[in-house]
Amino acid sequence: MIAIVNTGKRHPKKGHHYRLQINDQLITEFWHRRVDGLSTCLQRAAEAAEAAHQQQVEAMLQLINKQ
């Protein structure tokens, strides 16, 4: 199951803190202001997931290049 979970943390400018999870596995975290709406929340989740995936790929490539 894919879940976007509000952690309860708030920032005056960034809004609420969320965790994007697949089942119990944390994929990434991001900030979102509720007034920006659901579609913006989903877009921020997608962008954060893509950035996390890119970081994983880069880390794997660095490991491969060290061998």
N, C-alpha and C. Protein backbone atom coordinates (compact mmCIF):
# COMPACT_ATOMS: atom_id res chain seq x y z
N MET A 1 0.83 -1.16 0.00
CA MET A 1 0.00 0.00 0.00
C MET A 1 0.89 1.24 0.00
N ILE A 2 0.54 2.21 -0.79
CA ILE A 2 1.24 3.50 -0.81
C ILE A 2 0.52 4.42 0.18
N ALA A 3 1.30 5.07 1.04
CA ALA A 3 0.71 5.95 2.05
C ALA A 3 1.49 7.24 2.15
N ILE A 4 0.76 8.34 2.25
CA ILE A 4 1.34 9.64 2.56
C ILE A 4 0.86 9.96 3.97
N VAL A 5 1.81 10.00 4.92
CA VAL A 5 1.48 10.09 6.33
C VAL A 5 1.95 11.43 6.90
N ASN A 6 1.03 12.15 7.52
CA ASN A 6 1.36 13.39 8.20
C ASN A 6 2.05 13.02 9.52
N THR A 7 3.27 13.53 9.72
CA THR A 7 4.02 13.19 10.93
C THR A 7 3.62 14.03 12.13
N GLY A 8 2.87 15.09 11.91
CA GLY A 8 2.47 15.98 12.99
C GLY A 8 3.38 17.17 13.16
N LYS A 9 4.54 17.15 12.49
CA LYS A 9 5.46 18.28 12.57
C LYS A 9 4.93 19.41 11.68
N ARG A 10 5.11 20.64 12.15
CA ARG A 10 4.69 21.81 11.36
C ARG A 10 5.81 22.83 11.32
N HIS A 11 5.89 23.52 10.20
CA HIS A 11 6.85 24.60 10.02
C HIS A 11 6.04 25.82 9.56
N PRO A 12 6.32 26.99 10.11
CA PRO A 12 5.51 28.17 9.77
C PRO A 12 5.45 28.49 8.27
N LYS A 13 6.53 28.23 7.55
CA LYS A 13 6.55 28.55 6.11
C LYS A 13 6.39 27.32 5.22
N LYS A 14 6.95 26.19 5.63
CA LYS A 14 6.93 24.98 4.80
C LYS A 14 5.62 24.21 4.92
N GLY A 15 4.91 24.37 6.02
CA GLY A 15 3.66 23.65 6.22
C GLY A 15 3.84 22.40 7.06
N HIS A 16 3.15 21.33 6.68
CA HIS A 16 3.18 20.07 7.42
C HIS A 16 4.24 19.13 6.84
N HIS A 17 4.77 18.28 7.70
CA HIS A 17 5.79 17.31 7.31
C HIS A 17 5.10 15.98 7.03
N TYR A 18 5.45 15.36 5.89
CA TYR A 18 4.84 14.09 5.47
C TYR A 18 5.90 13.06 5.17
N ARG A 19 5.50 11.80 5.32
CA ARG A 19 6.34 10.65 4.95
C ARG A 19 5.63 9.90 3.84
N LEU A 20 6.35 9.55 2.79
CA LEU A 20 5.83 8.71 1.72
C LEU A 20 6.33 7.30 1.97
N GLN A 21 5.42 6.36 2.12
CA GLN A 21 5.78 4.98 2.45
C GLN A 21 5.12 4.02 1.47
N ILE A 22 5.79 2.89 1.24
CA ILE A 22 5.19 1.76 0.56
C ILE A 22 5.19 0.65 1.60
N ASN A 23 4.00 0.23 1.99
CA ASN A 23 3.82 -0.66 3.13
C ASN A 23 4.53 -0.02 4.32
N ASP A 24 5.46 -0.70 4.96
CA ASP A 24 6.16 -0.13 6.12
C ASP A 24 7.50 0.50 5.75
N GLN A 25 7.84 0.51 4.45
CA GLN A 25 9.13 1.02 4.02
C GLN A 25 9.04 2.52 3.71
N LEU A 26 9.87 3.30 4.40
CA LEU A 26 9.94 4.73 4.14
C LEU A 26 10.64 4.96 2.81
N ILE A 27 9.99 5.71 1.93
CA ILE A 27 10.56 6.06 0.64
C ILE A 27 11.24 7.43 0.72
N THR A 28 10.53 8.40 1.26
CA THR A 28 11.07 9.75 1.38
C THR A 28 10.18 10.57 2.30
N GLU A 29 10.61 11.79 2.58
CA GLU A 29 9.85 12.73 3.39
C GLU A 29 9.79 14.06 2.64
N PHE A 30 8.73 14.83 2.90
CA PHE A 30 8.60 16.13 2.23
C PHE A 30 7.68 17.02 3.05
N TRP A 31 7.67 18.30 2.71
CA TRP A 31 6.83 19.30 3.36
C TRP A 31 5.73 19.73 2.39
N HIS A 32 4.56 20.07 2.95
CA HIS A 32 3.43 20.50 2.13
C HIS A 32 2.51 21.40 2.95
N ARG A 33 2.03 22.44 2.29
CA ARG A 33 1.04 23.33 2.93
C ARG A 33 -0.34 22.87 2.48
N ARG A 34 -1.21 22.57 3.43
CA ARG A 34 -2.54 22.06 3.12
C ARG A 34 -3.34 22.98 2.20
N VAL A 35 -3.14 24.29 2.34
CA VAL A 35 -3.89 25.23 1.50
C VAL A 35 -3.55 25.08 0.02
N ASP A 36 -2.41 24.42 -0.29
CA ASP A 36 -2.01 24.21 -1.68
C ASP A 36 -2.80 23.09 -2.35
N GLY A 37 -3.51 22.28 -1.58
CA GLY A 37 -4.41 21.29 -2.14
C GLY A 37 -3.80 19.92 -2.37
N LEU A 38 -4.68 18.96 -2.66
CA LEU A 38 -4.30 17.57 -2.84
C LEU A 38 -3.39 17.35 -4.04
N SER A 39 -3.71 17.95 -5.17
CA SER A 39 -2.89 17.70 -6.37
C SER A 39 -1.46 18.16 -6.16
N THR A 40 -1.26 19.26 -5.44
CA THR A 40 0.09 19.74 -5.15
C THR A 40 0.79 18.79 -4.18
N CYS A 41 0.05 18.26 -3.21
CA CYS A 41 0.62 17.30 -2.27
C CYS A 41 1.10 16.06 -3.02
N LEU A 42 0.28 15.55 -3.93
CA LEU A 42 0.66 14.37 -4.71
C LEU A 42 1.86 14.66 -5.61
N GLN A 43 1.91 15.86 -6.19
CA GLN A 43 3.04 16.24 -7.03
C GLN A 43 4.32 16.33 -6.20
N ARG A 44 4.23 16.91 -5.01
CA ARG A 44 5.41 17.00 -4.14
C ARG A 44 5.88 15.61 -3.71
N ALA A 45 4.94 14.73 -3.45
CA ALA A 45 5.29 13.35 -3.09
C ALA A 45 6.01 12.68 -4.26
N ALA A 46 5.50 12.87 -5.47
CA ALA A 46 6.12 12.28 -6.66
C ALA A 46 7.53 12.84 -6.88
N GLU A 47 7.68 14.14 -6.74
CA GLU A 47 8.99 14.77 -6.93
C GLU A 47 9.98 14.29 -5.86
N ALA A 48 9.53 14.17 -4.63
CA ALA A 48 10.40 13.70 -3.55
C ALA A 48 10.79 12.24 -3.78
N ALA A 49 9.85 11.43 -4.26
CA ALA A 49 10.15 10.02 -4.55
C ALA A 49 11.16 9.91 -5.68
N GLU A 50 11.01 10.72 -6.71
CA GLU A 50 11.95 10.69 -7.84
C GLU A 50 13.35 11.11 -7.38
N ALA A 51 13.43 12.14 -6.55
CA ALA A 51 14.73 12.58 -6.03
C ALA A 51 15.38 11.50 -5.18
N ALA A 52 14.58 10.82 -4.35
CA ALA A 52 15.13 9.74 -3.51
C ALA A 52 15.62 8.59 -4.39
N HIS A 53 14.87 8.27 -5.43
CA HIS A 53 15.27 7.20 -6.35
C HIS A 53 16.57 7.58 -7.05
N GLN A 54 16.68 8.81 -7.50
CA GLN A 54 17.89 9.27 -8.18
C GLN A 54 19.10 9.18 -7.25
N GLN A 55 18.93 9.52 -5.98
CA GLN A 55 20.02 9.41 -5.01
C GLN A 55 20.46 7.96 -4.84
N GLN A 56 19.50 7.04 -4.83
CA GLN A 56 19.83 5.62 -4.71
C GLN A 56 20.61 5.14 -5.93
N VAL A 57 20.20 5.55 -7.11
CA VAL A 57 20.89 5.16 -8.33
C VAL A 57 22.32 5.70 -8.33
N GLU A 58 22.48 6.96 -7.96
CA GLU A 58 23.82 7.55 -7.92
C GLU A 58 24.72 6.84 -6.91
N ALA A 59 24.16 6.48 -5.75
CA ALA A 59 24.94 5.76 -4.74
C ALA A 59 25.37 4.39 -5.26
N MET A 60 24.48 3.71 -5.96
CA MET A 60 24.81 2.41 -6.52
C MET A 60 25.89 2.53 -7.59
N LEU A 61 25.79 3.55 -8.43
CA LEU A 61 26.80 3.77 -9.46
C LEU A 61 28.18 4.06 -8.84
N GLN A 62 28.19 4.82 -7.76
CA GLN A 62 29.45 5.10 -7.09
C GLN A 62 30.07 3.82 -6.54
N LEU A 63 29.25 2.95 -5.98
CA LEU A 63 29.76 1.67 -5.48
C LEU A 63 30.32 0.82 -6.61
N ILE A 64 29.62 0.79 -7.72
CA ILE A 64 30.07 -0.01 -8.86
C ILE A 64 31.39 0.54 -9.40
N ASN A 65 31.51 1.86 -9.48
CA ASN A 65 32.72 2.48 -10.02
C ASN A 65 33.94 2.30 -9.11
N LYS A 66 33.71 2.05 -7.83
CA LYS A 66 34.83 1.86 -6.90
C LYS A 66 35.43 0.46 -7.03
N GLN A 67 34.69 -0.46 -7.62
CA GLN A 67 35.18 -1.85 -7.73
C GLN A 67 36.17 -1.99 -8.84
